[in-house]
Full PDB file with SEQRES, HELIX, SHEET, SSBOND, CRYST1, ORIGX, SCALE, CONECT and MASTER records, all heavy atoms in Angstrom:
SEQRES   1 A   36  ILE LYS LYS TRP LEU ASP GLN GLU ASN THR TRP TYR PHE          
SEQRES   2 A   36  CYS ASP THR LEU MET GLY LEU GLY ASP GLU VAL LEU LEU          
SEQRES   3 A   36  LYS LYS HIS ASN VAL ALA CYS LEU LYS ARG                      
HELIX    1 AA1 LYS A    2  LEU A    5  1                                   4    
HELIX    2 AA2 LEU A   17  GLY A   19  5                                   3    
HELIX    3 AA3 GLU A   23  LYS A   27  5                                   5    
SHEET    1 AA1 2 TYR A  12  CYS A  14  0                                        
SHEET    2 AA1 2 VAL A  31  CYS A  33  1                                        
CRYST1    1.000    1.000    1.000  90.00  90.00  90.00 P 1           1          
ORIGX1      1.000000  0.000000  0.000000        0.00000                         
ORIGX2      0.000000  1.000000  0.000000        0.00000                         
ORIGX3      0.000000  0.000000  1.000000        0.00000                         
SCALE1      1.000000  0.000000  0.000000        0.00000                         
SCALE2      0.000000  1.000000  0.000000        0.00000                         
SCALE3      0.000000  0.000000  1.000000        0.00000                         
ATOM      1  N   ILE A   1     -51.821 125.379  74.081  1.00  0.00           N  
ATOM      2  CA  ILE A   1     -51.246 126.691  73.747  1.00  0.00           C  
ATOM      3  C   ILE A   1     -51.618 127.103  72.322  1.00  0.00           C  
ATOM      4  O   ILE A   1     -51.784 128.294  72.027  1.00  0.00           O  
ATOM      5  CB  ILE A   1     -49.712 126.723  73.937  1.00  0.00           C  
ATOM      6  CG1 ILE A   1     -49.239 128.186  73.950  1.00  0.00           C  
ATOM      7  CG2 ILE A   1     -48.995 125.922  72.866  1.00  0.00           C  
ATOM      8  CD1 ILE A   1     -47.785 128.373  74.316  1.00  0.00           C  
ATOM      9  N   LYS A   2     -51.772 126.137  71.433  1.00  0.00           N  
ATOM     10  CA  LYS A   2     -52.179 126.477  70.064  1.00  0.00           C  
ATOM     11  C   LYS A   2     -53.558 127.142  70.057  1.00  0.00           C  
ATOM     12  O   LYS A   2     -53.773 128.133  69.351  1.00  0.00           O  
ATOM     13  CB  LYS A   2     -52.190 125.219  69.190  1.00  0.00           C  
ATOM     14  CG  LYS A   2     -50.800 124.682  68.870  1.00  0.00           C  
ATOM     15  CD  LYS A   2     -50.879 123.380  68.090  1.00  0.00           C  
ATOM     16  CE  LYS A   2     -49.497 122.803  67.831  1.00  0.00           C  
ATOM     17  NZ  LYS A   2     -49.562 121.492  67.126  1.00  0.00           N  
ATOM     18  N   LYS A   3     -54.474 126.623  70.865  1.00  0.00           N  
ATOM     19  CA  LYS A   3     -55.808 127.227  70.958  1.00  0.00           C  
ATOM     20  C   LYS A   3     -55.725 128.624  71.557  1.00  0.00           C  
ATOM     21  O   LYS A   3     -56.401 129.551  71.108  1.00  0.00           O  
ATOM     22  CB  LYS A   3     -56.733 126.340  71.806  1.00  0.00           C  
ATOM     23  CG  LYS A   3     -57.095 125.016  71.156  1.00  0.00           C  
ATOM     24  CD  LYS A   3     -58.027 124.217  72.067  1.00  0.00           C  
ATOM     25  CE  LYS A   3     -58.389 122.883  71.439  1.00  0.00           C  
ATOM     26  NZ  LYS A   3     -59.278 122.077  72.337  1.00  0.00           N  
ATOM     27  N   TRP A   4     -54.884 128.776  72.581  1.00  0.00           N  
ATOM     28  CA  TRP A   4     -54.737 130.081  73.226  1.00  0.00           C  
ATOM     29  C   TRP A   4     -54.165 131.103  72.261  1.00  0.00           C  
ATOM     30  O   TRP A   4     -54.621 132.244  72.199  1.00  0.00           O  
ATOM     31  CB  TRP A   4     -53.852 129.935  74.455  1.00  0.00           C  
ATOM     32  CG  TRP A   4     -53.636 131.212  75.210  1.00  0.00           C  
ATOM     33  CD1 TRP A   4     -54.556 131.886  75.970  1.00  0.00           C  
ATOM     34  CD2 TRP A   4     -52.426 131.971  75.294  1.00  0.00           C  
ATOM     35  NE1 TRP A   4     -53.983 133.016  76.522  1.00  0.00           N  
ATOM     36  CE2 TRP A   4     -52.678 133.092  76.116  1.00  0.00           C  
ATOM     37  CE3 TRP A   4     -51.145 131.804  74.756  1.00  0.00           C  
ATOM     38  CZ2 TRP A   4     -51.692 134.040  76.418  1.00  0.00           C  
ATOM     39  CZ3 TRP A   4     -50.169 132.734  75.050  1.00  0.00           C  
ATOM     40  CH2 TRP A   4     -50.447 133.849  75.860  1.00  0.00           C  
ATOM     41  N   LEU A   5     -53.181 130.689  71.485  1.00  0.00           N  
ATOM     42  CA  LEU A   5     -52.532 131.609  70.553  1.00  0.00           C  
ATOM     43  C   LEU A   5     -53.426 131.982  69.369  1.00  0.00           C  
ATOM     44  O   LEU A   5     -53.141 132.944  68.651  1.00  0.00           O  
ATOM     45  CB  LEU A   5     -51.218 130.999  70.042  1.00  0.00           C  
ATOM     46  CG  LEU A   5     -50.079 130.952  71.072  1.00  0.00           C  
ATOM     47  CD1 LEU A   5     -48.943 130.068  70.575  1.00  0.00           C  
ATOM     48  CD2 LEU A   5     -49.571 132.359  71.379  1.00  0.00           C  
ATOM     49  N   ASP A   6     -54.500 131.253  69.167  1.00  0.00           N  
ATOM     50  CA  ASP A   6     -55.462 131.603  68.116  1.00  0.00           C  
ATOM     51  C   ASP A   6     -56.327 132.793  68.518  1.00  0.00           C  
ATOM     52  O   ASP A   6     -57.021 133.372  67.678  1.00  0.00           O  
ATOM     53  CB  ASP A   6     -56.353 130.401  67.784  1.00  0.00           C  
ATOM     54  CG  ASP A   6     -55.631 129.361  66.927  1.00  0.00           C  
ATOM     55  OD1 ASP A   6     -54.622 129.729  66.290  1.00  0.00           O  
ATOM     56  OD2 ASP A   6     -56.066 128.195  66.922  1.00  0.00           O  
ATOM     57  N   GLN A   7     -56.301 133.154  69.793  1.00  0.00           N  
ATOM     58  CA  GLN A   7     -57.060 134.308  70.259  1.00  0.00           C  
ATOM     59  C   GLN A   7     -56.300 135.599  69.955  1.00  0.00           C  
ATOM     60  O   GLN A   7     -55.080 135.601  69.766  1.00  0.00           O  
ATOM     61  CB  GLN A   7     -57.303 134.208  71.774  1.00  0.00           C  
ATOM     62  CG  GLN A   7     -58.088 132.983  72.196  1.00  0.00           C  
ATOM     63  CD  GLN A   7     -58.305 132.965  73.698  1.00  0.00           C  
ATOM     64  OE1 GLN A   7     -59.128 133.701  74.232  1.00  0.00           O  
ATOM     65  NE2 GLN A   7     -57.557 132.129  74.400  1.00  0.00           N  
ATOM     66  N   GLU A   8     -57.020 136.698  69.931  1.00  0.00           N  
ATOM     67  CA  GLU A   8     -56.411 138.002  69.657  1.00  0.00           C  
ATOM     68  C   GLU A   8     -55.539 138.448  70.827  1.00  0.00           C  
ATOM     69  O   GLU A   8     -55.870 138.210  71.989  1.00  0.00           O  
ATOM     70  CB  GLU A   8     -57.500 139.055  69.402  1.00  0.00           C  
ATOM     71  CG  GLU A   8     -58.247 138.878  68.091  1.00  0.00           C  
ATOM     72  CD  GLU A   8     -57.367 139.100  66.880  1.00  0.00           C  
ATOM     73  OE1 GLU A   8     -56.452 139.963  66.967  1.00  0.00           O  
ATOM     74  OE2 GLU A   8     -57.558 138.415  65.861  1.00  0.00           O  
ATOM     75  N   ASN A   9     -54.441 139.094  70.498  1.00  0.00           N  
ATOM     76  CA  ASN A   9     -53.575 139.731  71.486  1.00  0.00           C  
ATOM     77  C   ASN A   9     -53.057 138.746  72.533  1.00  0.00           C  
ATOM     78  O   ASN A   9     -53.086 138.998  73.741  1.00  0.00           O  
ATOM     79  CB  ASN A   9     -54.305 140.888  72.174  1.00  0.00           C  
ATOM     80  CG  ASN A   9     -53.345 141.895  72.800  1.00  0.00           C  
ATOM     81  OD1 ASN A   9     -52.178 141.972  72.419  1.00  0.00           O  
ATOM     82  ND2 ASN A   9     -53.830 142.665  73.763  1.00  0.00           N  
ATOM     83  N   THR A  10     -52.585 137.599  72.057  1.00  0.00           N  
ATOM     84  CA  THR A  10     -51.869 136.638  72.905  1.00  0.00           C  
ATOM     85  C   THR A  10     -50.476 136.481  72.320  1.00  0.00           C  
ATOM     86  O   THR A  10     -50.302 136.439  71.106  1.00  0.00           O  
ATOM     87  CB  THR A  10     -52.575 135.265  72.926  1.00  0.00           C  
ATOM     88  OG1 THR A  10     -52.784 134.811  71.572  1.00  0.00           O  
ATOM     89  CG2 THR A  10     -53.912 135.345  73.643  1.00  0.00           C  
ATOM     90  N   TRP A  11     -49.477 136.370  73.193  1.00  0.00           N  
ATOM     91  CA  TRP A  11     -48.093 136.392  72.753  1.00  0.00           C  
ATOM     92  C   TRP A  11     -47.267 135.387  73.531  1.00  0.00           C  
ATOM     93  O   TRP A  11     -47.387 135.291  74.746  1.00  0.00           O  
ATOM     94  CB  TRP A  11     -47.497 137.795  72.929  1.00  0.00           C  
ATOM     95  CG  TRP A  11     -48.332 138.855  72.279  1.00  0.00           C  
ATOM     96  CD1 TRP A  11     -49.386 139.539  72.832  1.00  0.00           C  
ATOM     97  CD2 TRP A  11     -48.216 139.312  70.932  1.00  0.00           C  
ATOM     98  NE1 TRP A  11     -49.918 140.401  71.916  1.00  0.00           N  
ATOM     99  CE2 TRP A  11     -49.221 140.293  70.739  1.00  0.00           C  
ATOM    100  CE3 TRP A  11     -47.349 139.012  69.878  1.00  0.00           C  
ATOM    101  CZ2 TRP A  11     -49.400 140.948  69.522  1.00  0.00           C  
ATOM    102  CZ3 TRP A  11     -47.518 139.670  68.669  1.00  0.00           C  
ATOM    103  CH2 TRP A  11     -48.526 140.629  68.496  1.00  0.00           C  
ATOM    104  N   TYR A  12     -46.412 134.651  72.805  1.00  0.00           N  
ATOM    105  CA  TYR A  12     -45.534 133.678  73.452  1.00  0.00           C  
ATOM    106  C   TYR A  12     -44.086 133.925  73.049  1.00  0.00           C  
ATOM    107  O   TYR A  12     -43.766 134.009  71.869  1.00  0.00           O  
ATOM    108  CB  TYR A  12     -45.931 132.247  73.071  1.00  0.00           C  
ATOM    109  CG  TYR A  12     -45.020 131.200  73.685  1.00  0.00           C  
ATOM    110  CD1 TYR A  12     -44.859 131.113  75.061  1.00  0.00           C  
ATOM    111  CD2 TYR A  12     -44.314 130.292  72.885  1.00  0.00           C  
ATOM    112  CE1 TYR A  12     -44.026 130.169  75.627  1.00  0.00           C  
ATOM    113  CE2 TYR A  12     -43.477 129.339  73.453  1.00  0.00           C  
ATOM    114  CZ  TYR A  12     -43.339 129.284  74.827  1.00  0.00           C  
ATOM    115  OH  TYR A  12     -42.501 128.364  75.391  1.00  0.00           O  
ATOM    116  N   PHE A  13     -43.207 134.038  74.058  1.00  0.00           N  
ATOM    117  CA  PHE A  13     -41.778 134.231  73.849  1.00  0.00           C  
ATOM    118  C   PHE A  13     -41.018 133.105  74.559  1.00  0.00           C  
ATOM    119  O   PHE A  13     -41.274 132.817  75.728  1.00  0.00           O  
ATOM    120  CB  PHE A  13     -41.307 135.565  74.437  1.00  0.00           C  
ATOM    121  CG  PHE A  13     -41.826 136.781  73.729  1.00  0.00           C  
ATOM    122  CD1 PHE A  13     -43.075 137.301  74.039  1.00  0.00           C  
ATOM    123  CD2 PHE A  13     -41.060 137.420  72.763  1.00  0.00           C  
ATOM    124  CE1 PHE A  13     -43.561 138.432  73.405  1.00  0.00           C  
ATOM    125  CE2 PHE A  13     -41.534 138.558  72.117  1.00  0.00           C  
ATOM    126  CZ  PHE A  13     -42.779 139.066  72.437  1.00  0.00           C  
ATOM    127  N   CYS A  14     -40.072 132.502  73.862  1.00  0.00           N  
ATOM    128  CA  CYS A  14     -39.156 131.553  74.495  1.00  0.00           C  
ATOM    129  C   CYS A  14     -37.777 131.745  73.880  1.00  0.00           C  
ATOM    130  O   CYS A  14     -37.656 132.263  72.769  1.00  0.00           O  
ATOM    131  CB  CYS A  14     -39.623 130.110  74.333  1.00  0.00           C  
ATOM    132  SG  CYS A  14     -39.690 129.532  72.626  1.00  0.00           S  
ATOM    133  N   ASP A  15     -36.749 131.349  74.607  1.00  0.00           N  
ATOM    134  CA  ASP A  15     -35.413 131.543  74.057  1.00  0.00           C  
ATOM    135  C   ASP A  15     -34.920 130.323  73.275  1.00  0.00           C  
ATOM    136  O   ASP A  15     -34.450 130.457  72.153  1.00  0.00           O  
ATOM    137  CB  ASP A  15     -34.414 131.973  75.134  1.00  0.00           C  
ATOM    138  CG  ASP A  15     -34.393 131.062  76.357  1.00  0.00           C  
ATOM    139  OD1 ASP A  15     -35.235 130.143  76.453  1.00  0.00           O  
ATOM    140  OD2 ASP A  15     -33.516 131.282  77.217  1.00  0.00           O  
ATOM    141  N   THR A  16     -35.053 129.130  73.798  1.00  0.00           N  
ATOM    142  CA  THR A  16     -34.536 127.953  73.105  1.00  0.00           C  
ATOM    143  C   THR A  16     -35.647 127.189  72.379  1.00  0.00           C  
ATOM    144  O   THR A  16     -36.817 127.247  72.759  1.00  0.00           O  
ATOM    145  CB  THR A  16     -33.851 126.978  74.078  1.00  0.00           C  
ATOM    146  OG1 THR A  16     -34.850 126.365  74.914  1.00  0.00           O  
ATOM    147  CG2 THR A  16     -32.834 127.706  74.953  1.00  0.00           C  
ATOM    148  N   LEU A  17     -35.258 126.451  71.359  1.00  0.00           N  
ATOM    149  CA  LEU A  17     -36.215 125.592  70.661  1.00  0.00           C  
ATOM    150  C   LEU A  17     -36.736 124.500  71.586  1.00  0.00           C  
ATOM    151  O   LEU A  17     -37.839 123.992  71.391  1.00  0.00           O  
ATOM    152  CB  LEU A  17     -35.556 124.967  69.428  1.00  0.00           C  
ATOM    153  CG  LEU A  17     -35.310 125.920  68.250  1.00  0.00           C  
ATOM    154  CD1 LEU A  17     -34.442 125.250  67.189  1.00  0.00           C  
ATOM    155  CD2 LEU A  17     -36.632 126.383  67.631  1.00  0.00           C  
ATOM    156  N   MET A  18     -35.954 124.144  72.606  1.00  0.00           N  
ATOM    157  CA  MET A  18     -36.405 123.142  73.574  1.00  0.00           C  
ATOM    158  C   MET A  18     -37.615 123.647  74.347  1.00  0.00           C  
ATOM    159  O   MET A  18     -38.441 122.866  74.799  1.00  0.00           O  
ATOM    160  CB  MET A  18     -35.267 122.802  74.530  1.00  0.00           C  
ATOM    161  CG  MET A  18     -34.072 122.145  73.866  1.00  0.00           C  
ATOM    162  SD  MET A  18     -32.666 121.910  74.989  1.00  0.00           S  
ATOM    163  CE  MET A  18     -33.311 120.640  76.058  1.00  0.00           C  
ATOM    164  N   GLY A  19     -37.731 124.944  74.502  1.00  0.00           N  
ATOM    165  CA  GLY A  19     -38.868 125.518  75.198  1.00  0.00           C  
ATOM    166  C   GLY A  19     -40.056 125.773  74.291  1.00  0.00           C  
ATOM    167  O   GLY A  19     -41.121 126.186  74.750  1.00  0.00           O  
ATOM    168  N   LEU A  20     -39.856 125.524  73.002  1.00  0.00           N  
ATOM    169  CA  LEU A  20     -40.915 125.780  72.027  1.00  0.00           C  
ATOM    170  C   LEU A  20     -41.861 124.599  71.884  1.00  0.00           C  
ATOM    171  O   LEU A  20     -43.065 124.768  71.741  1.00  0.00           O  
ATOM    172  CB  LEU A  20     -40.284 126.111  70.666  1.00  0.00           C  
ATOM    173  CG  LEU A  20     -41.233 126.534  69.557  1.00  0.00           C  
ATOM    174  CD1 LEU A  20     -41.853 127.895  69.863  1.00  0.00           C  
ATOM    175  CD2 LEU A  20     -40.498 126.590  68.215  1.00  0.00           C  
ATOM    176  N   GLY A  21     -41.291 123.394  71.931  1.00  0.00           N  
ATOM    177  CA  GLY A  21     -42.111 122.216  71.678  1.00  0.00           C  
ATOM    178  C   GLY A  21     -42.252 122.003  70.185  1.00  0.00           C  
ATOM    179  O   GLY A  21     -41.273 121.776  69.474  1.00  0.00           O  
ATOM    180  N   ASP A  22     -43.447 122.108  69.675  1.00  0.00           N  
ATOM    181  CA  ASP A  22     -43.730 121.920  68.253  1.00  0.00           C  
ATOM    182  C   ASP A  22     -43.263 123.141  67.460  1.00  0.00           C  
ATOM    183  O   ASP A  22     -43.750 124.251  67.672  1.00  0.00           O  
ATOM    184  CB  ASP A  22     -45.234 121.705  68.062  1.00  0.00           C  
ATOM    185  CG  ASP A  22     -45.576 121.247  66.648  1.00  0.00           C  
ATOM    186  OD1 ASP A  22     -44.733 121.407  65.747  1.00  0.00           O  
ATOM    187  OD2 ASP A  22     -46.693 120.748  66.452  1.00  0.00           O  
ATOM    188  N   GLU A  23     -42.326 122.942  66.535  1.00  0.00           N  
ATOM    189  CA  GLU A  23     -41.776 124.075  65.786  1.00  0.00           C  
ATOM    190  C   GLU A  23     -42.778 124.691  64.822  1.00  0.00           C  
ATOM    191  O   GLU A  23     -42.508 125.744  64.236  1.00  0.00           O  
ATOM    192  CB  GLU A  23     -40.503 123.657  65.050  1.00  0.00           C  
ATOM    193  CG  GLU A  23     -39.345 123.353  65.995  1.00  0.00           C  
ATOM    194  CD  GLU A  23     -38.020 123.172  65.294  1.00  0.00           C  
ATOM    195  OE1 GLU A  23     -37.859 123.726  64.182  1.00  0.00           O  
ATOM    196  OE2 GLU A  23     -37.150 122.472  65.843  1.00  0.00           O  
ATOM    197  N   VAL A  24     -43.940 124.074  64.661  1.00  0.00           N  
ATOM    198  CA  VAL A  24     -44.986 124.685  63.835  1.00  0.00           C  
ATOM    199  C   VAL A  24     -45.443 126.002  64.433  1.00  0.00           C  
ATOM    200  O   VAL A  24     -45.964 126.877  63.726  1.00  0.00           O  
ATOM    201  CB  VAL A  24     -46.183 123.714  63.662  1.00  0.00           C  
ATOM    202  CG1 VAL A  24     -46.988 123.600  64.956  1.00  0.00           C  
ATOM    203  CG2 VAL A  24     -47.089 124.155  62.512  1.00  0.00           C  
ATOM    204  N   LEU A  25     -45.210 126.173  65.735  1.00  0.00           N  
ATOM    205  CA  LEU A  25     -45.580 127.421  66.393  1.00  0.00           C  
ATOM    206  C   LEU A  25     -44.821 128.617  65.819  1.00  0.00           C  
ATOM    207  O   LEU A  25     -45.282 129.761  65.906  1.00  0.00           O  
ATOM    208  CB  LEU A  25     -45.318 127.332  67.900  1.00  0.00           C  
ATOM    209  CG  LEU A  25     -46.200 126.377  68.707  1.00  0.00           C  
ATOM    210  CD1 LEU A  25     -45.763 126.365  70.169  1.00  0.00           C  
ATOM    211  CD2 LEU A  25     -47.664 126.762  68.601  1.00  0.00           C  
ATOM    212  N   LEU A  26     -43.651 128.369  65.232  1.00  0.00           N  
ATOM    213  CA  LEU A  26     -42.854 129.451  64.665  1.00  0.00           C  
ATOM    214  C   LEU A  26     -43.565 130.154  63.517  1.00  0.00           C  
ATOM    215  O   LEU A  26     -43.220 131.288  63.175  1.00  0.00           O  
ATOM    216  CB  LEU A  26     -41.505 128.913  64.178  1.00  0.00           C  
ATOM    217  CG  LEU A  26     -40.517 128.460  65.254  1.00  0.00           C  
ATOM    218  CD1 LEU A  26     -39.308 127.800  64.619  1.00  0.00           C  
ATOM    219  CD2 LEU A  26     -40.090 129.642  66.115  1.00  0.00           C  
ATOM    220  N   LYS A  27     -44.551 129.503  62.938  1.00  0.00           N  
ATOM    221  CA  LYS A  27     -45.293 130.098  61.823  1.00  0.00           C  
ATOM    222  C   LYS A  27     -46.287 131.159  62.288  1.00  0.00           C  
ATOM    223  O   LYS A  27     -46.803 131.927  61.472  1.00  0.00           O  
ATOM    224  CB  LYS A  27     -46.030 129.006  61.046  1.00  0.00           C  
ATOM    225  CG  LYS A  27     -45.105 127.967  60.405  1.00  0.00           C  
ATOM    226  CD  LYS A  27     -45.901 126.889  59.675  1.00  0.00           C  
ATOM    227  CE  LYS A  27     -44.975 125.862  59.051  1.00  0.00           C  
ATOM    228  NZ  LYS A  27     -45.739 124.780  58.348  1.00  0.00           N  
ATOM    229  N   LYS A  28     -46.544 131.189  63.583  1.00  0.00           N  
ATOM    230  CA  LYS A  28     -47.521 132.137  64.114  1.00  0.00           C  
ATOM    231  C   LYS A  28     -46.873 133.509  64.322  1.00  0.00           C  
ATOM    232  O   LYS A  28     -45.742 133.606  64.798  1.00  0.00           O  
ATOM    233  CB  LYS A  28     -48.107 131.627  65.437  1.00  0.00           C  
ATOM    234  CG  LYS A  28     -48.997 130.381  65.280  1.00  0.00           C  
ATOM    235  CD  LYS A  28     -49.583 129.970  66.605  1.00  0.00           C  
ATOM    236  CE  LYS A  28     -50.581 128.844  66.434  1.00  0.00           C  
ATOM    237  NZ  LYS A  28     -51.808 129.287  65.718  1.00  0.00           N  
ATOM    238  N   HIS A  29     -47.606 134.553  63.988  1.00  0.00           N  
ATOM    239  CA  HIS A  29     -47.072 135.905  64.123  1.00  0.00           C  
ATOM    240  C   HIS A  29     -46.852 136.311  65.573  1.00  0.00           C  
ATOM    241  O   HIS A  29     -46.050 137.212  65.864  1.00  0.00           O  
ATOM    242  CB  HIS A  29     -48.025 136.913  63.460  1.00  0.00           C  
ATOM    243  CG  HIS A  29     -49.260 137.177  64.271  1.00  0.00           C  
ATOM    244  ND1 HIS A  29     -50.389 136.377  64.199  1.00  0.00           N  
ATOM    245  CD2 HIS A  29     -49.543 138.139  65.205  1.00  0.00           C  
ATOM    246  CE1 HIS A  29     -51.306 136.844  65.032  1.00  0.00           C  
ATOM    247  NE2 HIS A  29     -50.821 137.908  65.652  1.00  0.00           N  
ATOM    248  N   ASN A  30     -47.544 135.641  66.475  1.00  0.00           N  
ATOM    249  CA  ASN A  30     -47.480 136.009  67.891  1.00  0.00           C  
ATOM    250  C   ASN A  30     -46.573 135.093  68.707  1.00  0.00           C  
ATOM    251  O   ASN A  30     -46.690 135.014  69.930  1.00  0.00           O  
ATOM    252  CB  ASN A  30     -48.880 136.053  68.506  1.00  0.00           C  
ATOM    253  CG  ASN A  30     -49.708 134.807  68.201  1.00  0.00           C  
ATOM    254  OD1 ASN A  30     -49.336 133.981  67.382  1.00  0.00           O  
ATOM    255  ND2 ASN A  30     -50.849 134.687  68.865  1.00  0.00           N  
ATOM    256  N   VAL A  31     -45.670 134.398  68.028  1.00  0.00           N  
ATOM    257  CA  VAL A  31     -44.680 133.540  68.681  1.00  0.00           C  
ATOM    258  C   VAL A  31     -43.285 133.999  68.274  1.00  0.00           C  
ATOM    259  O   VAL A  31     -43.019 134.208  67.085  1.00  0.00           O  
ATOM    260  CB  VAL A  31     -44.872 132.058  68.299  1.00  0.00           C  
ATOM    261  CG1 VAL A  31     -43.724 131.207  68.837  1.00  0.00           C  
ATOM    262  CG2 VAL A  31     -46.200 131.536  68.823  1.00  0.00           C  
ATOM    263  N   ALA A  32     -42.406 134.166  69.243  1.00  0.00           N  
ATOM    264  CA  ALA A  32     -41.029 134.560  68.964  1.00  0.00           C  
ATOM    265  C   ALA A  32     -40.087 133.649  69.737  1.00  0.00           C  
ATOM    266  O   ALA A  32     -40.219 133.502  70.956  1.00  0.00           O  
ATOM    267  CB  ALA A  32     -40.785 136.012  69.368  1.00  0.00           C  
ATOM    268  N   CYS A  33     -39.164 133.018  69.025  1.00  0.00           N  
ATOM    269  CA  CYS A  33     -38.185 132.131  69.654  1.00  0.00           C  
ATOM    270  C   CYS A  33     -36.782 132.597  69.271  1.00  0.00           C  
ATOM    271  O   CYS A  33     -36.467 132.740  68.095  1.00  0.00           O  
ATOM    272  CB  CYS A  33     -38.402 130.685  69.211  1.00  0.00           C  
ATOM    273  SG  CYS A  33     -37.229 129.522  69.955  1.00  0.00           S  
ATOM    274  N   LEU A  34     -35.954 132.823  70.263  1.00  0.00           N  
ATOM    275  CA  LEU A  34     -34.590 133.293  70.048  1.00  0.00           C  
ATOM    276  C   LEU A  34     -33.709 132.210  69.428  1.00  0.00           C  
ATOM    277  O   LEU A  34     -32.708 132.499  68.786  1.00  0.00           O  
ATOM    278  CB  LEU A  34     -33.997 133.744  71.394  1.00  0.00           C  
ATOM    279  CG  LEU A  34     -32.697 134.513  71.409  1.00  0.00           C  
ATOM    280  CD1 LEU A  34     -32.817 135.812  70.623  1.00  0.00           C  
ATOM    281  CD2 LEU A  34     -32.279 134.805  72.848  1.00  0.00           C  
ATOM    282  N   LYS A  35     -34.073 130.960  69.636  1.00  0.00           N  
ATOM    283  CA  LYS A  35     -33.359 129.783  69.131  1.00  0.00           C  
ATOM    284  C   LYS A  35     -31.965 129.626  69.740  1.00  0.00           C  
ATOM    285  O   LYS A  35     -31.085 129.017  69.145  1.00  0.00           O  
ATOM    286  CB  LYS A  35     -33.277 129.798  67.597  1.00  0.00           C  
ATOM    287  CG  LYS A  35     -34.628 129.791  66.912  1.00  0.00           C  
ATOM    288  CD  LYS A  35     -34.487 129.754  65.402  1.00  0.00           C  
ATOM    289  CE  LYS A  35     -35.840 129.792  64.722  1.00  0.00           C  
ATOM    290  NZ  LYS A  35     -35.723 129.774  63.250  1.00  0.00           N  
ATOM    291  N   ARG A  36     -31.774 130.160  70.897  1.00  0.00           N  
ATOM    292  CA  ARG A  36     -30.539 129.955  71.657  1.00  0.00           C  
ATOM    293  C   ARG A  36     -30.824 130.336  73.111  1.00  0.00           C  
ATOM    294  O   ARG A  36     -31.810 131.016  73.400  1.00  0.00           O  
ATOM    295  CB  ARG A  36     -29.386 130.796  71.117  1.00  0.00           C  
ATOM    296  CG  ARG A  36     -29.597 132.296  71.234  1.00  0.00           C  
ATOM    297  CD  ARG A  36     -28.341 133.068  70.877  1.00  0.00           C  
ATOM    298  NE  ARG A  36     -28.548 134.501  70.949  1.00  0.00           N  
ATOM    299  CZ  ARG A  36     -28.526 135.214  72.071  1.00  0.00           C  
ATOM    300  NH1 ARG A  36     -28.331 134.604  73.233  1.00  0.00           N  
ATOM    301  NH2 ARG A  36     -28.714 136.523  72.056  1.00  0.00           N  
TER     302      ARG A  36                                                      
MASTER        0    0    0    3    2    0    0    6  301    1    0    3          
END                                                                             
């Protein structure tokens, strides 16, 4: 998913941190996690 998110116009949304996996993904502009 990290490689996929490096491409233009790719977006990942999850609600819980458990669905995020590696929290380093939160640093990406195209990742949004509700954290609940």
